[in-house]
Amino acid sequence: MKIFSFALPLAVGGLAAWLTMDSMSQYAALVQPPFAPPAWIFPVAWTILYVLMGWASLRVRQSGSPERSNALALYYTQLAVNFVWPLLFFRVGLYGTAFWWLILLLALVLVTARAFYRIDKQAGWLLVPYLAWLIYAAYLNAGVWFLNK
């Protein structure tokens, strides 16, 4: 179960990265908003975030809480939504649609973090960097959308 908890989010992220890797040159050519990071930051940040997600999900899975199934269903749902965002943004270039999809993801992660926190406080806190990154990603996404119309 431990390996699954970490492997699942890393696999979701890895597959999304693989499906969009040929789009990174197009992304680099876009007008970027202020405070846009260098490209190498994205895979580093996302790897850390996926490991934190896996750790949080493992804590919830091992908790034995009666709320565990609902919390993990939220977690899997946000992972699926997470998988689609880079496809919308990088692969298809639908920056406006990707922004609103990211807002949906942010809401789902917020609800998931709250559900995790009720079961295991540390699990909830482990999702806080993910929430912070999503807020930053929403800023970047909106900036790209408006600056590249």
Protein backbone atom coordinates (compact mmCIF):
# COMPACT_ATOMS: atom_id res chain seq x y z
CA MET A 1 0.00 0.00 0.00
CA LYS A 2 2.90 2.36 0.71
CA ILE A 3 4.31 1.99 -2.77
CA PHE A 4 0.87 2.52 -4.35
CA SER A 5 0.31 5.70 -2.32
CA PHE A 6 3.46 7.28 -3.72
CA ALA A 7 3.44 5.64 -7.15
CA LEU A 8 -0.08 6.73 -8.11
CA PRO A 9 0.40 10.52 -7.97
CA LEU A 10 3.90 10.22 -9.46
CA ALA A 11 2.51 8.09 -12.31
CA VAL A 12 -0.33 10.56 -12.94
CA GLY A 13 2.16 13.43 -13.06
CA GLY A 14 4.66 11.47 -15.10
CA LEU A 15 2.09 10.49 -17.71
CA ALA A 16 0.83 14.07 -18.00
CA ALA A 17 4.43 15.31 -18.34
CA TRP A 18 5.17 12.71 -21.00
CA LEU A 19 2.04 13.64 -22.95
CA THR A 20 2.95 17.34 -22.88
CA MET A 21 6.75 17.34 -23.09
CA ASP A 22 6.82 18.31 -26.76
CA SER A 23 4.73 21.39 -25.91
CA MET A 24 7.33 22.98 -23.63
CA SER A 25 9.07 24.79 -26.50
CA GLN A 26 5.74 26.41 -27.40
CA TYR A 27 5.29 27.40 -23.75
CA ALA A 28 8.75 28.97 -23.66
CA ALA A 29 7.82 31.14 -26.66
CA LEU A 30 4.78 32.64 -24.87
CA VAL A 31 4.80 36.02 -23.17
CA GLN A 32 5.17 35.18 -19.48
CA PRO A 33 3.72 37.14 -16.55
CA PRO A 34 6.07 38.71 -14.00
CA PHE A 35 7.54 36.24 -11.50
CA ALA A 36 7.29 33.30 -13.93
CA PRO A 37 9.90 30.72 -12.87
CA PRO A 38 12.49 29.09 -15.10
CA ALA A 39 11.22 25.93 -16.81
CA TRP A 40 13.31 23.55 -14.66
CA ILE A 41 11.31 24.56 -11.55
CA PHE A 42 8.12 22.87 -12.78
CA PRO A 43 9.24 19.22 -12.72
CA VAL A 44 11.07 19.73 -9.42
CA ALA A 45 8.07 21.39 -7.75
CA TRP A 46 5.57 18.89 -9.11
CA THR A 47 7.68 15.90 -8.04
CA ILE A 48 7.82 17.25 -4.49
CA LEU A 49 4.08 17.95 -4.52
CA TYR A 50 3.24 14.47 -5.81
CA VAL A 51 5.36 12.90 -3.06
CA LEU A 52 3.58 15.04 -0.45
CA MET A 53 0.21 14.00 -1.92
CA GLY A 54 1.23 10.36 -1.72
CA TRP A 55 2.34 10.74 1.88
CA ALA A 56 -0.92 12.48 2.81
CA SER A 57 -3.02 9.81 1.10
CA LEU A 58 -1.06 7.05 2.84
CA ARG A 59 -1.73 8.61 6.25
CA VAL A 60 -5.45 8.81 5.48
CA ARG A 61 -5.55 5.30 4.03
CA GLN A 62 -3.88 3.88 7.15
CA SER A 63 -6.04 5.88 9.56
CA GLY A 64 -8.93 3.43 9.78
CA SER A 65 -11.32 6.39 9.94
CA PRO A 66 -14.89 5.79 8.78
CA GLU A 67 -14.49 8.99 6.68
CA ARG A 68 -11.47 7.52 4.89
CA SER A 69 -13.34 6.29 1.81
CA ASN A 70 -14.98 9.65 1.13
CA ALA A 71 -11.72 11.54 1.65
CA LEU A 72 -9.85 9.20 -0.69
CA ALA A 73 -12.62 9.50 -3.31
CA LEU A 74 -12.07 13.28 -3.23
CA TYR A 75 -8.34 12.70 -3.51
CA TYR A 76 -8.69 10.45 -6.57
CA THR A 77 -11.09 12.93 -8.16
CA GLN A 78 -8.66 15.82 -7.74
CA LEU A 79 -5.87 13.62 -9.15
CA ALA A 80 -7.96 13.00 -12.28
CA VAL A 81 -8.68 16.72 -12.63
CA ASN A 82 -4.98 17.42 -12.03
CA PHE A 83 -4.09 15.05 -14.90
CA VAL A 84 -6.30 16.94 -17.38
CA TRP A 85 -5.01 20.46 -16.65
CA PRO A 86 -1.59 20.17 -18.37
CA LEU A 87 -3.28 18.62 -21.39
CA LEU A 88 -5.63 21.60 -21.67
CA PHE A 89 -2.89 24.15 -21.08
CA PHE A 90 0.23 22.73 -22.76
CA ARG A 91 -1.06 20.21 -25.27
CA VAL A 92 -4.14 22.02 -26.59
CA GLY A 93 -3.28 25.62 -25.65
CA LEU A 94 -6.73 26.38 -24.25
CA TYR A 95 -5.44 28.84 -21.68
CA GLY A 96 -8.85 30.21 -20.64
CA THR A 97 -10.38 26.76 -20.27
CA ALA A 98 -7.27 25.59 -18.43
CA PHE A 99 -7.56 28.52 -16.01
CA TRP A 100 -11.14 27.64 -15.06
CA TRP A 101 -10.19 23.95 -14.87
CA LEU A 102 -7.40 24.97 -12.48
CA ILE A 103 -9.91 26.86 -10.33
CA LEU A 104 -11.97 23.64 -10.18
CA LEU A 105 -8.82 21.75 -9.18
CA LEU A 106 -8.02 24.32 -6.51
CA ALA A 107 -11.52 23.94 -5.03
CA LEU A 108 -11.26 20.15 -5.07
CA VAL A 109 -7.87 20.20 -3.38
CA LEU A 110 -9.17 22.60 -0.74
CA VAL A 111 -12.08 20.24 0.01
CA THR A 112 -9.71 17.25 -0.03
CA ALA A 113 -7.26 18.95 2.33
CA ARG A 114 -10.10 19.75 4.71
CA ALA A 115 -11.35 16.14 4.59
CA PHE A 116 -7.81 14.85 5.15
CA TYR A 117 -7.30 17.27 8.06
CA ARG A 118 -10.44 16.00 9.80
CA ILE A 119 -8.99 12.48 9.64
CA ASP A 120 -5.30 13.23 10.20
CA LYS A 121 -4.05 16.76 10.81
CA GLN A 122 -0.64 16.07 9.29
CA ALA A 123 -2.26 14.70 6.12
CA GLY A 124 -4.21 17.92 5.76
CA TRP A 125 -1.11 20.06 6.28
CA LEU A 126 0.81 18.00 3.72
CA LEU A 127 -1.55 19.35 1.04
CA VAL A 128 -0.94 23.01 1.92
CA PRO A 129 2.13 23.36 -0.38
CA TYR A 130 0.00 21.91 -3.20
CA LEU A 131 -2.69 24.52 -2.54
CA ALA A 132 -0.07 27.29 -2.52
CA TRP A 133 1.42 26.03 -5.78
CA LEU A 134 -2.02 25.88 -7.40
CA ILE A 135 -2.68 29.49 -6.45
CA TYR A 136 0.65 30.44 -8.03
CA ALA A 137 -0.16 28.27 -11.08
CA ALA A 138 -3.53 30.03 -11.42
CA TYR A 139 -1.69 33.37 -11.46
CA LEU A 140 0.71 32.08 -14.13
CA ASN A 141 -2.13 30.52 -16.16
CA ALA A 142 -4.17 33.74 -16.04
CA GLY A 143 -1.11 35.76 -17.00
CA VAL A 144 -0.36 33.57 -20.00
CA TRP A 145 -4.03 33.68 -21.01
CA PHE A 146 -4.25 37.47 -20.92
CA LEU A 147 -0.79 38.22 -22.30
CA ASN A 148 -1.10 35.86 -25.28
CA LYS A 149 -4.54 36.60 -26.70
